[in-house]
Protein backbone atom coordinates (compact mmCIF):
# COMPACT_ATOMS: atom_id res chain seq x y z
CA GLN A 1 2.91 -29.47 44.90
CA SER A 2 6.27 -30.86 46.27
CA TYR A 3 8.19 -33.83 44.80
CA LYS A 4 11.45 -33.34 46.64
CA SER A 5 12.75 -37.00 46.27
CA PHE A 6 12.97 -35.52 42.57
CA GLY A 7 13.92 -32.58 43.25
CA TYR A 8 10.90 -30.85 41.53
CA THR A 9 8.39 -28.53 43.47
CA PHE A 10 5.38 -28.26 40.55
CA LEU A 11 4.33 -24.40 40.79
CA GLY A 12 1.20 -24.47 38.21
CA PHE A 13 -0.07 -24.42 35.00
CA PHE A 14 -0.78 -21.98 31.93
CA ASP A 15 -3.19 -22.40 29.56
CA GLN A 16 -4.53 -21.00 26.16
CA LYS A 17 -8.54 -21.99 27.40
CA THR A 18 -10.21 -21.64 30.52
CA ARG A 19 -11.21 -25.38 31.47
CA ASN A 20 -13.75 -26.55 34.11
CA ASN A 21 -11.47 -28.81 35.85
CA PRO A 22 -10.08 -29.61 39.59
CA TYR A 23 -7.32 -28.40 38.27
CA ASN A 24 -8.10 -24.41 38.02
CA HIS A 25 -6.35 -23.13 40.75
CA LEU A 26 -3.35 -24.38 39.52
CA VAL A 27 -3.82 -22.11 36.64
CA LYS A 28 -1.03 -19.62 36.88
CA GLY A 29 -2.01 -18.16 33.52
CA ASN A 30 -2.28 -18.01 30.54
CA ILE A 31 0.47 -18.50 27.92
CA GLU A 32 1.55 -15.20 27.32
CA ASP A 33 2.32 -14.74 31.30
CA LEU A 34 4.71 -17.77 30.92
CA LYS A 35 7.53 -15.23 30.89
CA SER A 36 7.22 -12.73 33.16
CA TYR A 37 6.07 -15.44 35.92
CA CYS A 38 9.40 -17.43 35.19
CA LYS A 39 11.68 -14.54 35.57
CA LYS A 40 9.19 -13.38 38.59
CA GLU A 41 9.64 -16.65 40.25
CA ASN A 42 13.08 -17.74 39.36
CA ILE A 43 11.92 -21.13 37.30
CA ASP A 44 14.64 -23.57 36.08
CA GLU A 45 13.07 -25.57 34.10
CA ILE A 46 9.62 -25.29 32.23
CA TYR A 47 7.28 -28.61 30.71
CA VAL A 48 5.17 -27.52 27.39
CA ALA A 49 2.77 -30.44 27.03
CA LEU A 50 0.16 -28.13 24.89
CA PRO A 51 -0.89 -29.48 21.20
CA ASN A 52 -0.33 -27.62 18.06
CA LEU A 53 1.91 -25.18 19.09
CA SER A 54 3.63 -22.87 16.15
CA PRO A 55 7.22 -23.49 15.56
CA ALA A 56 7.44 -19.99 15.98
CA PHE A 57 6.29 -20.14 19.33
CA ILE A 58 8.41 -23.01 20.07
CA GLU A 59 11.01 -20.86 19.03
CA GLU A 60 10.75 -18.16 20.84
CA LEU A 61 9.92 -20.45 24.16
CA GLN A 62 13.12 -21.95 23.22
CA LYS A 63 15.19 -18.51 23.11
CA PHE A 64 13.60 -17.20 26.26
CA ALA A 65 14.69 -20.53 28.22
CA ASP A 66 18.38 -20.00 27.02
CA ALA A 67 18.78 -16.37 27.15
CA ASN A 68 17.28 -17.09 31.31
CA PHE A 69 19.04 -20.45 31.58
CA ILE A 70 15.54 -22.29 32.14
CA TYR A 71 15.71 -26.49 30.53
CA LEU A 72 12.69 -26.36 28.43
CA ARG A 73 11.11 -29.53 27.96
CA ILE A 74 8.16 -30.26 25.41
CA VAL A 75 6.05 -33.27 25.75
CA ILE A 76 4.72 -33.85 22.25
CA GLU A 77 2.30 -36.54 21.23
CA GLY A 78 3.06 -39.61 18.76
CA SER A 79 2.33 -37.48 15.52
CA GLU A 80 4.09 -34.25 16.48
CA LYS A 81 6.95 -33.85 15.13
CA ALA A 82 10.24 -32.11 17.37
CA PRO A 83 12.23 -29.17 16.51
CA SER A 84 14.95 -29.86 14.24
CA ASN A 85 17.09 -28.56 16.58
CA ALA A 86 16.25 -30.86 19.92
CA ASN A 87 17.55 -33.21 21.58
CA VAL A 88 15.33 -36.24 21.31
CA PHE A 89 14.28 -38.52 24.76
CA THR A 90 11.57 -41.06 24.68
CA PHE A 91 9.96 -42.36 28.03
CA GLY A 92 7.92 -45.63 28.84
C-alpha cells in the first residue's frame, strides 16, 4: 500500500506468530527475518508495535537501525515503558 501524500510506501509486517486474519498476505516473515529484509529492500524506517519486547531485543534493534541509517519507531501501549535512551512522542 502506498501513501505517497505522506511520503510512505507500506511494504508489510513481520510477526512472531502466524495469525488467521485477512492481512496474512502482508506478512513478510517472522521477527528474525526483519534485519535481512531491511538490508535487501533498503528500508529507511521501521515501526515496531509488538507487546512485551525484551529490553535486549529493543537494544539490538536500535543498534541495527543506527548502523544502517534506519529510523526506528517503537509504538508502546500505555502500561509499557519506553527505553531510557528514546525520544518519546505522543499522538492523539
